[in-house]
């Protein structure tokens, strides 16, 4: 694998998010990534169906292809995504709380794309709140190309490190122990 150039990692989580997977291989999104210096896109597709990509090869459940000049690798699941997050210059993902917290704690640029097919759409609320604090960008699948350019051209606030004492303090206060 070529080690020069940037890598974008995409995760849809454990559910199905066909709209995001489909948007990723659209020419405008790939062109935006290429214009920002990306040469690789790794997609964790979960239970989503990946449309046929012209010229793709499939080996042991991993699909690889060259899409509009970007090397694309697609697989369904891994036990941990930590290595992928660490290698990525940009993470695009569903707006699940676990994914967002994990990515932001690593200091990575993130575009959160809420999966609007999920019940109550709690993902949108979380993503919008974190965007208002300048930790990430949130968008729909339709705005993904513009959001890639925006994410790579601006600075974000550093997400706070985990502090277990704060949680204990809040819990003690709520339980009336302090």
N, C-alpha and C. Protein backbone atom coordinates (compact mmCIF):
# COMPACT_ATOMS: atom_id res chain seq x y z
N UNK A 1 0.84 -1.18 0.00
CA UNK A 1 0.00 0.00 0.00
C UNK A 1 0.88 1.24 0.00
N UNK A 2 0.53 2.21 -0.80
CA UNK A 2 1.24 3.48 -0.88
C UNK A 2 1.12 4.21 0.44
N UNK A 3 2.25 4.66 1.01
CA UNK A 3 2.21 5.32 2.30
C UNK A 3 2.27 6.84 2.19
N UNK A 4 2.42 7.38 0.99
CA UNK A 4 2.40 8.84 0.85
C UNK A 4 0.97 9.28 0.56
N UNK A 5 0.65 10.51 0.88
CA UNK A 5 -0.70 11.00 0.69
C UNK A 5 -1.56 10.71 1.91
N UNK A 6 -2.74 11.30 1.92
CA UNK A 6 -3.63 11.21 3.08
C UNK A 6 -4.61 10.04 2.96
N UNK A 7 -5.07 9.62 4.14
CA UNK A 7 -6.05 8.54 4.23
C UNK A 7 -7.30 9.04 4.92
N UNK A 8 -8.45 8.72 4.34
CA UNK A 8 -9.73 8.96 5.00
C UNK A 8 -10.29 7.61 5.40
N UNK A 9 -10.75 7.53 6.65
CA UNK A 9 -11.39 6.31 7.13
C UNK A 9 -12.87 6.63 7.34
N UNK A 10 -13.71 5.72 6.87
CA UNK A 10 -15.16 5.90 6.97
C UNK A 10 -15.74 4.72 7.74
N UNK A 11 -16.61 5.02 8.71
CA UNK A 11 -17.28 3.96 9.44
C UNK A 11 -18.77 4.23 9.49
N UNK A 12 -19.54 3.18 9.24
CA UNK A 12 -21.00 3.27 9.36
C UNK A 12 -21.48 2.61 10.64
N UNK A 13 -20.56 2.07 11.43
CA UNK A 13 -20.95 1.39 12.66
C UNK A 13 -21.47 0.00 12.38
N UNK A 14 -22.32 -0.48 13.28
CA UNK A 14 -22.80 -1.85 13.17
C UNK A 14 -24.14 -1.96 12.46
N UNK A 15 -24.67 -0.83 12.04
CA UNK A 15 -25.98 -0.85 11.39
C UNK A 15 -25.82 -0.77 9.88
N UNK A 16 -26.88 -0.38 9.23
CA UNK A 16 -26.90 -0.24 7.78
C UNK A 16 -27.01 1.24 7.45
N UNK A 17 -26.14 1.75 6.60
CA UNK A 17 -26.17 3.17 6.22
C UNK A 17 -25.78 3.25 4.74
N UNK A 18 -26.64 2.70 3.90
CA UNK A 18 -26.39 2.65 2.46
C UNK A 18 -26.16 4.03 1.86
N UNK A 19 -26.91 5.02 2.32
CA UNK A 19 -26.80 6.37 1.74
C UNK A 19 -25.39 6.92 1.89
N UNK A 20 -24.75 6.66 3.03
CA UNK A 20 -23.38 7.15 3.22
C UNK A 20 -22.40 6.37 2.34
N UNK A 21 -22.53 5.07 2.32
CA UNK A 21 -21.62 4.26 1.50
C UNK A 21 -21.75 4.65 0.03
N UNK A 22 -22.97 4.85 -0.43
CA UNK A 22 -23.19 5.24 -1.83
C UNK A 22 -22.58 6.62 -2.12
N UNK A 23 -22.75 7.56 -1.21
CA UNK A 23 -22.25 8.92 -1.41
C UNK A 23 -20.73 8.97 -1.51
N UNK A 24 -20.06 8.08 -0.80
CA UNK A 24 -18.60 8.10 -0.74
C UNK A 24 -17.92 7.87 -2.08
N UNK A 25 -18.55 7.09 -2.95
CA UNK A 25 -17.93 6.78 -4.23
C UNK A 25 -18.48 7.65 -5.36
N UNK A 26 -19.27 8.66 -5.02
CA UNK A 26 -19.74 9.61 -6.03
C UNK A 26 -18.57 10.49 -6.46
N UNK A 27 -18.58 10.87 -7.71
CA UNK A 27 -17.46 11.61 -8.27
C UNK A 27 -17.17 12.91 -7.52
N UNK A 28 -18.19 13.66 -7.08
CA UNK A 28 -17.93 14.94 -6.41
C UNK A 28 -17.23 14.74 -5.06
N UNK A 29 -17.60 13.69 -4.33
CA UNK A 29 -16.96 13.42 -3.03
C UNK A 29 -15.52 12.97 -3.24
N UNK A 30 -15.32 12.05 -4.17
CA UNK A 30 -13.96 11.56 -4.45
C UNK A 30 -13.08 12.70 -4.96
N UNK A 31 -13.63 13.56 -5.80
CA UNK A 31 -12.88 14.71 -6.31
C UNK A 31 -12.49 15.66 -5.17
N UNK A 32 -13.40 15.90 -4.23
CA UNK A 32 -13.10 16.76 -3.08
C UNK A 32 -11.98 16.15 -2.24
N UNK A 33 -12.05 14.85 -2.03
CA UNK A 33 -10.99 14.17 -1.27
C UNK A 33 -9.65 14.28 -2.00
N UNK A 34 -9.68 14.02 -3.29
CA UNK A 34 -8.45 14.08 -4.09
C UNK A 34 -7.86 15.49 -4.06
N UNK A 35 -8.72 16.51 -4.18
CA UNK A 35 -8.27 17.91 -4.15
C UNK A 35 -7.63 18.28 -2.81
N UNK A 36 -8.02 17.57 -1.76
CA UNK A 36 -7.45 17.82 -0.42
C UNK A 36 -6.25 16.93 -0.12
N UNK A 37 -5.77 16.19 -1.12
CA UNK A 37 -4.55 15.39 -0.95
C UNK A 37 -4.76 13.95 -0.52
N UNK A 38 -6.00 13.48 -0.55
CA UNK A 38 -6.26 12.09 -0.15
C UNK A 38 -5.97 11.14 -1.31
N UNK A 39 -5.36 10.02 -0.98
CA UNK A 39 -5.05 8.98 -1.98
C UNK A 39 -5.71 7.65 -1.63
N UNK A 40 -6.19 7.52 -0.37
CA UNK A 40 -6.78 6.28 0.11
C UNK A 40 -8.08 6.56 0.87
N UNK A 41 -9.07 5.69 0.64
CA UNK A 41 -10.31 5.72 1.40
C UNK A 41 -10.58 4.30 1.88
N UNK A 42 -10.65 4.14 3.18
CA UNK A 42 -10.95 2.84 3.77
C UNK A 42 -12.36 2.94 4.35
N UNK A 43 -13.23 2.03 3.92
CA UNK A 43 -14.63 2.08 4.31
C UNK A 43 -15.00 0.83 5.11
N UNK A 44 -15.45 1.03 6.34
CA UNK A 44 -16.05 -0.03 7.14
C UNK A 44 -17.54 0.06 6.84
N UNK A 45 -18.05 -0.88 6.07
CA UNK A 45 -19.41 -0.77 5.54
C UNK A 45 -20.49 -1.39 6.40
N UNK A 46 -20.12 -2.10 7.47
CA UNK A 46 -21.13 -2.71 8.33
C UNK A 46 -22.07 -3.58 7.53
N UNK A 47 -23.36 -3.42 7.76
CA UNK A 47 -24.37 -4.21 7.06
C UNK A 47 -24.86 -3.55 5.78
N UNK A 48 -24.21 -2.48 5.37
CA UNK A 48 -24.60 -1.79 4.14
C UNK A 48 -24.19 -2.59 2.92
N UNK A 49 -24.96 -2.43 1.89
CA UNK A 49 -24.64 -3.04 0.61
C UNK A 49 -23.76 -2.07 -0.17
N UNK A 50 -22.66 -2.56 -0.67
CA UNK A 50 -21.78 -1.74 -1.48
C UNK A 50 -22.11 -2.01 -2.94
N UNK A 51 -22.52 -0.95 -3.63
CA UNK A 51 -22.84 -1.10 -5.05
C UNK A 51 -21.60 -1.53 -5.81
N UNK A 52 -21.82 -2.18 -6.90
CA UNK A 52 -20.70 -2.64 -7.72
C UNK A 52 -19.82 -1.45 -8.12
N UNK A 53 -18.54 -1.59 -7.85
CA UNK A 53 -17.56 -0.57 -8.23
C UNK A 53 -16.80 -1.12 -9.43
N UNK A 54 -16.83 -0.37 -10.52
CA UNK A 54 -16.17 -0.81 -11.74
C UNK A 54 -14.69 -1.12 -11.47
N UNK A 55 -14.25 -2.27 -11.88
CA UNK A 55 -12.85 -2.66 -11.75
C UNK A 55 -12.46 -3.17 -10.38
N UNK A 56 -13.43 -3.38 -9.50
CA UNK A 56 -13.13 -3.83 -8.14
C UNK A 56 -12.74 -5.30 -8.11
N UNK A 57 -11.88 -5.62 -7.16
CA UNK A 57 -11.56 -7.02 -6.91
C UNK A 57 -11.96 -7.33 -5.47
N UNK A 58 -12.40 -8.57 -5.27
CA UNK A 58 -12.84 -8.99 -3.94
C UNK A 58 -12.00 -10.19 -3.53
N UNK A 59 -11.40 -10.09 -2.33
CA UNK A 59 -10.56 -11.15 -1.82
C UNK A 59 -10.83 -11.30 -0.33
N UNK A 60 -11.36 -12.46 0.08
CA UNK A 60 -11.65 -12.74 1.49
C UNK A 60 -12.49 -11.65 2.14
N UNK A 61 -13.53 -11.19 1.44
CA UNK A 61 -14.45 -10.22 1.99
C UNK A 61 -13.99 -8.77 1.93
N UNK A 62 -12.83 -8.53 1.34
CA UNK A 62 -12.31 -7.16 1.22
C UNK A 62 -12.37 -6.76 -0.25
N UNK A 63 -13.04 -5.66 -0.51
CA UNK A 63 -13.15 -5.13 -1.87
C UNK A 63 -12.13 -4.03 -2.05
N UNK A 64 -11.39 -4.07 -3.13
CA UNK A 64 -10.43 -3.00 -3.44
C UNK A 64 -10.68 -2.52 -4.86
N UNK A 65 -10.49 -1.22 -5.05
CA UNK A 65 -10.69 -0.64 -6.37
C UNK A 65 -10.02 0.72 -6.43
N UNK A 66 -9.80 1.19 -7.64
CA UNK A 66 -9.34 2.55 -7.87
C UNK A 66 -10.57 3.31 -8.37
N UNK A 67 -11.02 4.31 -7.58
CA UNK A 67 -12.22 5.06 -7.91
C UNK A 67 -11.83 6.52 -8.14
N UNK A 68 -11.92 6.97 -9.37
CA UNK A 68 -11.58 8.36 -9.72
C UNK A 68 -10.22 8.77 -9.14
N UNK A 69 -9.27 7.85 -9.17
CA UNK A 69 -7.91 8.17 -8.75
C UNK A 69 -7.61 7.94 -7.28
N UNK A 70 -8.54 7.43 -6.52
CA UNK A 70 -8.32 7.14 -5.09
C UNK A 70 -8.45 5.65 -4.86
N UNK A 71 -7.48 5.10 -4.12
CA UNK A 71 -7.54 3.68 -3.77
C UNK A 71 -8.62 3.49 -2.70
N UNK A 72 -9.59 2.63 -2.99
CA UNK A 72 -10.70 2.39 -2.07
C UNK A 72 -10.62 0.94 -1.59
N UNK A 73 -10.73 0.78 -0.27
CA UNK A 73 -10.75 -0.54 0.36
C UNK A 73 -12.02 -0.60 1.20
N UNK A 74 -12.81 -1.65 1.00
CA UNK A 74 -14.08 -1.79 1.72
C UNK A 74 -14.12 -3.14 2.42
N UNK A 75 -14.49 -3.12 3.70
CA UNK A 75 -14.73 -4.34 4.45
C UNK A 75 -15.87 -4.09 5.43
N UNK A 76 -16.49 -5.17 5.92
CA UNK A 76 -17.68 -5.03 6.75
C UNK A 76 -17.38 -4.72 8.21
N UNK A 77 -16.62 -5.56 8.88
CA UNK A 77 -16.39 -5.40 10.32
C UNK A 77 -14.97 -5.79 10.71
N UNK A 78 -14.49 -5.21 11.79
CA UNK A 78 -13.26 -5.62 12.48
C UNK A 78 -13.56 -5.55 13.97
N UNK A 79 -12.78 -6.27 14.76
CA UNK A 79 -12.99 -6.25 16.21
C UNK A 79 -12.78 -4.86 16.79
N UNK A 80 -11.79 -4.14 16.27
CA UNK A 80 -11.50 -2.80 16.76
C UNK A 80 -11.18 -1.88 15.58
N UNK A 81 -11.61 -0.64 15.70
CA UNK A 81 -11.32 0.35 14.66
C UNK A 81 -10.22 1.31 15.09
N UNK A 82 -9.67 1.11 16.26
CA UNK A 82 -8.66 2.01 16.82
C UNK A 82 -7.50 2.26 15.86
N UNK A 83 -6.93 1.21 15.27
CA UNK A 83 -5.81 1.39 14.34
C UNK A 83 -6.22 2.23 13.13
N UNK A 84 -7.42 2.00 12.65
CA UNK A 84 -7.89 2.77 11.49
C UNK A 84 -8.05 4.25 11.85
N UNK A 85 -8.61 4.52 13.02
CA UNK A 85 -8.75 5.91 13.48
C UNK A 85 -7.37 6.58 13.58
N UNK A 86 -6.42 5.86 14.16
CA UNK A 86 -5.09 6.44 14.38
C UNK A 86 -4.38 6.75 13.07
N UNK A 87 -4.56 5.93 12.04
CA UNK A 87 -3.89 6.13 10.75
C UNK A 87 -4.55 7.20 9.90
N UNK A 88 -5.79 7.51 10.19
CA UNK A 88 -6.58 8.40 9.34
C UNK A 88 -6.22 9.87 9.54
N UNK A 89 -6.25 10.61 8.43
CA UNK A 89 -6.11 12.07 8.48
C UNK A 89 -7.47 12.73 8.63
N UNK A 90 -8.52 12.00 8.27
CA UNK A 90 -9.89 12.45 8.40
C UNK A 90 -10.75 11.22 8.63
N UNK A 91 -11.72 11.34 9.54
CA UNK A 91 -12.68 10.26 9.76
C UNK A 91 -14.06 10.80 9.39
N UNK A 92 -14.75 10.04 8.56
CA UNK A 92 -16.14 10.33 8.23
C UNK A 92 -16.93 9.18 8.81
N UNK A 93 -17.95 9.50 9.60
CA UNK A 93 -18.67 8.40 10.22
C UNK A 93 -20.09 8.74 10.56
N UNK A 94 -20.83 7.69 10.83
CA UNK A 94 -22.16 7.85 11.38
C UNK A 94 -21.96 8.62 12.68
N UNK A 95 -22.99 9.23 13.17
CA UNK A 95 -22.83 10.11 14.32
C UNK A 95 -23.14 9.41 15.64
N UNK A 96 -22.75 8.16 15.75
CA UNK A 96 -22.92 7.44 17.01
C UNK A 96 -22.00 8.00 18.08
N UNK A 97 -22.48 8.05 19.31
CA UNK A 97 -21.71 8.68 20.38
C UNK A 97 -20.37 8.01 20.62
N UNK A 98 -20.32 6.68 20.60
CA UNK A 98 -19.06 5.99 20.84
C UNK A 98 -18.02 6.31 19.78
N UNK A 99 -18.43 6.31 18.54
CA UNK A 99 -17.53 6.64 17.44
C UNK A 99 -17.02 8.07 17.58
N UNK A 100 -17.92 9.00 17.80
CA UNK A 100 -17.53 10.40 17.90
C UNK A 100 -16.53 10.61 19.03
N UNK A 101 -16.83 10.11 20.22
CA UNK A 101 -15.95 10.31 21.37
C UNK A 101 -14.58 9.70 21.11
N UNK A 102 -14.55 8.49 20.58
CA UNK A 102 -13.28 7.81 20.33
C UNK A 102 -12.43 8.60 19.33
N UNK A 103 -13.03 9.08 18.27
CA UNK A 103 -12.30 9.80 17.23
C UNK A 103 -11.82 11.16 17.75
N UNK A 104 -12.69 11.88 18.42
CA UNK A 104 -12.32 13.21 18.91
C UNK A 104 -11.25 13.14 20.00
N UNK A 105 -11.29 12.11 20.82
CA UNK A 105 -10.25 11.98 21.87
C UNK A 105 -8.88 11.73 21.25
N UNK A 106 -8.84 11.22 20.03
CA UNK A 106 -7.56 11.02 19.33
C UNK A 106 -7.10 12.31 18.64
N UNK A 107 -7.91 13.35 18.69
CA UNK A 107 -7.54 14.61 18.06
C UNK A 107 -7.67 14.59 16.55
N UNK A 108 -8.54 13.73 16.03
CA UNK A 108 -8.71 13.60 14.58
C UNK A 108 -9.80 14.54 14.07
N UNK A 109 -9.64 14.96 12.83
CA UNK A 109 -10.69 15.72 12.15
C UNK A 109 -11.83 14.74 11.87
N UNK A 110 -13.06 15.23 12.08
CA UNK A 110 -14.19 14.33 11.88
C UNK A 110 -15.35 15.03 11.21
N UNK A 111 -15.97 14.29 10.29
CA UNK A 111 -17.25 14.69 9.72
C UNK A 111 -18.25 13.65 10.18
N UNK A 112 -19.25 14.10 10.94
CA UNK A 112 -20.30 13.21 11.43
C UNK A 112 -21.51 13.33 10.52
N UNK A 113 -21.96 12.19 10.01
CA UNK A 113 -23.10 12.14 9.10
C UNK A 113 -24.21 11.34 9.79
N UNK A 114 -25.17 12.02 10.41
CA UNK A 114 -26.22 11.29 11.10
C UNK A 114 -27.00 10.38 10.15
N UNK A 115 -27.27 9.18 10.63
CA UNK A 115 -28.05 8.22 9.86
C UNK A 115 -29.52 8.53 10.11
N UNK A 116 -30.14 9.20 9.18
CA UNK A 116 -31.51 9.69 9.35
C UNK A 116 -32.55 8.58 9.35
N UNK A 117 -32.13 7.35 9.05
CA UNK A 117 -33.09 6.24 9.05
C UNK A 117 -33.26 5.64 10.45
N UNK A 118 -32.44 6.07 11.40
CA UNK A 118 -32.54 5.50 12.75
C UNK A 118 -33.65 6.17 13.55
N UNK A 119 -34.24 5.43 14.45
CA UNK A 119 -35.33 5.89 15.29
C UNK A 119 -34.91 7.09 16.14
N UNK A 120 -35.73 8.11 16.20
CA UNK A 120 -35.57 9.32 17.01
C UNK A 120 -34.40 10.20 16.60
N UNK A 121 -33.58 9.78 15.69
CA UNK A 121 -32.47 10.56 15.14
C UNK A 121 -31.64 11.27 16.22
N UNK A 122 -31.31 10.55 17.30
CA UNK A 122 -30.47 11.11 18.35
C UNK A 122 -29.08 11.48 17.83
N UNK A 123 -28.64 10.84 16.75
CA UNK A 123 -27.32 11.14 16.20
C UNK A 123 -27.23 12.60 15.76
N UNK A 124 -28.28 13.11 15.15
CA UNK A 124 -28.26 14.50 14.66
C UNK A 124 -28.12 15.47 15.83
N UNK A 125 -28.82 15.23 16.93
CA UNK A 125 -28.75 16.11 18.09
C UNK A 125 -27.33 16.18 18.64
N UNK A 126 -26.69 15.04 18.80
CA UNK A 126 -25.33 15.00 19.32
C UNK A 126 -24.36 15.69 18.37
N UNK A 127 -24.44 15.36 17.10
CA UNK A 127 -23.52 15.93 16.11
C UNK A 127 -23.68 17.45 16.03
N UNK A 128 -24.90 17.93 16.04
CA UNK A 128 -25.12 19.38 15.97
C UNK A 128 -24.59 20.09 17.20
N UNK A 129 -24.75 19.49 18.37
CA UNK A 129 -24.23 20.08 19.60
C UNK A 129 -22.70 20.16 19.56
N UNK A 130 -22.05 19.10 19.10
CA UNK A 130 -20.59 19.09 19.03
C UNK A 130 -20.07 20.02 17.93
N UNK A 131 -20.83 20.15 16.85
CA UNK A 131 -20.44 21.10 15.81
C UNK A 131 -20.53 22.53 16.34
N UNK A 132 -21.54 22.83 17.14
CA UNK A 132 -21.68 24.19 17.69
C UNK A 132 -20.53 24.54 18.62
N UNK A 133 -19.85 23.53 19.16
CA UNK A 133 -18.67 23.75 20.01
C UNK A 133 -17.37 23.67 19.22
N UNK A 134 -17.47 23.52 17.90
CA UNK A 134 -16.34 23.48 16.97
C UNK A 134 -15.42 22.27 17.18
N UNK A 135 -16.03 21.11 17.49
CA UNK A 135 -15.24 19.89 17.61
C UNK A 135 -15.24 19.08 16.32
N UNK A 136 -16.27 19.27 15.49
CA UNK A 136 -16.40 18.49 14.26
C UNK A 136 -17.32 19.22 13.31
N UNK A 137 -17.49 18.63 12.13
CA UNK A 137 -18.47 19.12 11.16
C UNK A 137 -19.53 18.04 11.03
N UNK A 138 -20.78 18.46 10.93
CA UNK A 138 -21.85 17.51 10.67
C UNK A 138 -22.53 17.90 9.36
N UNK A 139 -22.97 16.90 8.63
CA UNK A 139 -23.61 17.17 7.35
C UNK A 139 -24.48 16.00 6.95
N UNK A 140 -25.24 16.20 5.90
CA UNK A 140 -26.01 15.10 5.31
C UNK A 140 -25.14 14.47 4.22
N UNK A 141 -25.59 13.37 3.69
CA UNK A 141 -24.83 12.73 2.61
C UNK A 141 -24.77 13.63 1.38
N UNK A 142 -25.77 14.49 1.20
CA UNK A 142 -25.81 15.39 0.04
C UNK A 142 -24.73 16.47 0.11
N UNK A 143 -24.31 16.83 1.32
CA UNK A 143 -23.34 17.92 1.51
C UNK A 143 -21.92 17.41 1.79
N UNK A 144 -21.69 16.15 1.55
CA UNK A 144 -20.42 15.54 1.94
C UNK A 144 -19.21 16.14 1.22
N UNK A 145 -19.30 16.41 -0.07
CA UNK A 145 -18.15 16.96 -0.80
C UNK A 145 -17.74 18.32 -0.23
N UNK A 146 -18.70 19.20 0.01
CA UNK A 146 -18.39 20.52 0.58
C UNK A 146 -17.84 20.39 1.99
N UNK A 147 -18.36 19.44 2.75
CA UNK A 147 -17.91 19.24 4.12
C UNK A 147 -16.48 18.72 4.19
N UNK A 148 -16.08 17.91 3.22
CA UNK A 148 -14.68 17.44 3.16
C UNK A 148 -13.76 18.64 3.01
N UNK A 149 -14.08 19.52 2.09
CA UNK A 149 -13.24 20.71 1.87
C UNK A 149 -13.21 21.58 3.11
N UNK A 150 -14.35 21.76 3.75
CA UNK A 150 -14.42 22.58 4.96
C UNK A 150 -13.62 21.96 6.11
N UNK A 151 -13.73 20.66 6.28
CA UNK A 151 -13.03 19.98 7.37
C UNK A 151 -11.52 20.07 7.23
N UNK A 152 -11.04 20.09 5.99
CA UNK A 152 -9.60 20.11 5.78
C UNK A 152 -9.02 21.53 5.74
N UNK A 153 -9.89 22.52 5.77
CA UNK A 153 -9.39 23.89 5.66
C UNK A 153 -9.60 24.71 6.93
N UNK A 154 -10.07 24.10 7.99
CA UNK A 154 -10.29 24.87 9.21
C UNK A 154 -9.71 24.18 10.43
N UNK A 155 -9.61 24.94 11.49
CA UNK A 155 -9.11 24.42 12.77
C UNK A 155 -10.29 24.08 13.66
N UNK A 156 -10.10 23.06 14.48
CA UNK A 156 -11.12 22.62 15.41
C UNK A 156 -10.62 22.77 16.85
N UNK A 157 -11.55 22.87 17.78
CA UNK A 157 -11.21 22.86 19.20
C UNK A 157 -10.74 21.45 19.57
N UNK A 158 -9.84 21.37 20.52
CA UNK A 158 -9.37 20.07 21.01
C UNK A 158 -10.41 19.52 21.98
N UNK A 159 -10.84 18.29 21.74
CA UNK A 159 -11.82 17.66 22.61
C UNK A 159 -11.18 17.36 23.96
N UNK A 160 -11.88 17.60 25.08
CA UNK A 160 -11.27 17.38 26.40
C UNK A 160 -10.90 15.92 26.65
N UNK A 161 -9.83 15.74 27.38
CA UNK A 161 -9.43 14.39 27.80
C UNK A 161 -10.43 13.86 28.82
N UNK A 162 -10.50 12.55 28.93
CA UNK A 162 -11.39 11.92 29.89
C UNK A 162 -10.91 12.24 31.30
N UNK A 163 -11.85 12.61 32.18
CA UNK A 163 -11.54 12.88 33.59
C UNK A 163 -12.59 12.17 34.43
N UNK A 164 -12.25 10.99 34.93
CA UNK A 164 -13.18 10.18 35.71
C UNK A 164 -13.65 10.86 36.98
N UNK A 165 -12.83 11.76 37.53
CA UNK A 165 -13.20 12.47 38.75
C UNK A 165 -14.42 13.35 38.52
N UNK A 166 -14.55 13.92 37.34
CA UNK A 166 -15.71 14.77 37.04
C UNK A 166 -16.99 13.95 37.09
N UNK A 167 -16.95 12.76 36.51
CA UNK A 167 -18.14 11.90 36.52
C UNK A 167 -18.50 11.55 37.95
N UNK A 168 -17.52 11.15 38.76
CA UNK A 168 -17.78 10.81 40.16
C UNK A 168 -18.38 11.98 40.91
N UNK A 169 -17.86 13.17 40.67
CA UNK A 169 -18.35 14.37 41.32
C UNK A 169 -19.81 14.65 40.95
N UNK A 170 -20.13 14.53 39.67
CA UNK A 170 -21.52 14.75 39.23
C UNK A 170 -22.43 13.70 39.82
N UNK A 171 -22.00 12.45 39.81
CA UNK A 171 -22.81 11.37 40.36
C UNK A 171 -23.04 11.56 41.86
N UNK A 172 -21.99 11.91 42.60
CA UNK A 172 -22.11 12.16 44.03
C UNK A 172 -23.10 13.31 44.30
N UNK A 173 -22.99 14.36 43.50
CA UNK A 173 -23.87 15.51 43.68
C UNK A 173 -25.33 15.12 43.40
N UNK A 174 -25.56 14.37 42.32
CA UNK A 174 -26.92 13.98 41.96
C UNK A 174 -27.51 13.01 43.00
N UNK A 175 -26.67 12.20 43.62
CA UNK A 175 -27.14 11.23 44.61
C UNK A 175 -27.24 11.84 46.01
N UNK A 176 -26.78 13.09 46.15
CA UNK A 176 -26.86 13.79 47.43
C UNK A 176 -25.75 13.41 48.40
N UNK A 177 -24.63 12.89 47.87
CA UNK A 177 -23.51 12.50 48.74
C UNK A 177 -22.54 13.65 49.01
N UNK A 178 -22.69 14.76 48.31
CA UNK A 178 -21.73 15.86 48.55
C UNK A 178 -22.45 17.12 48.93
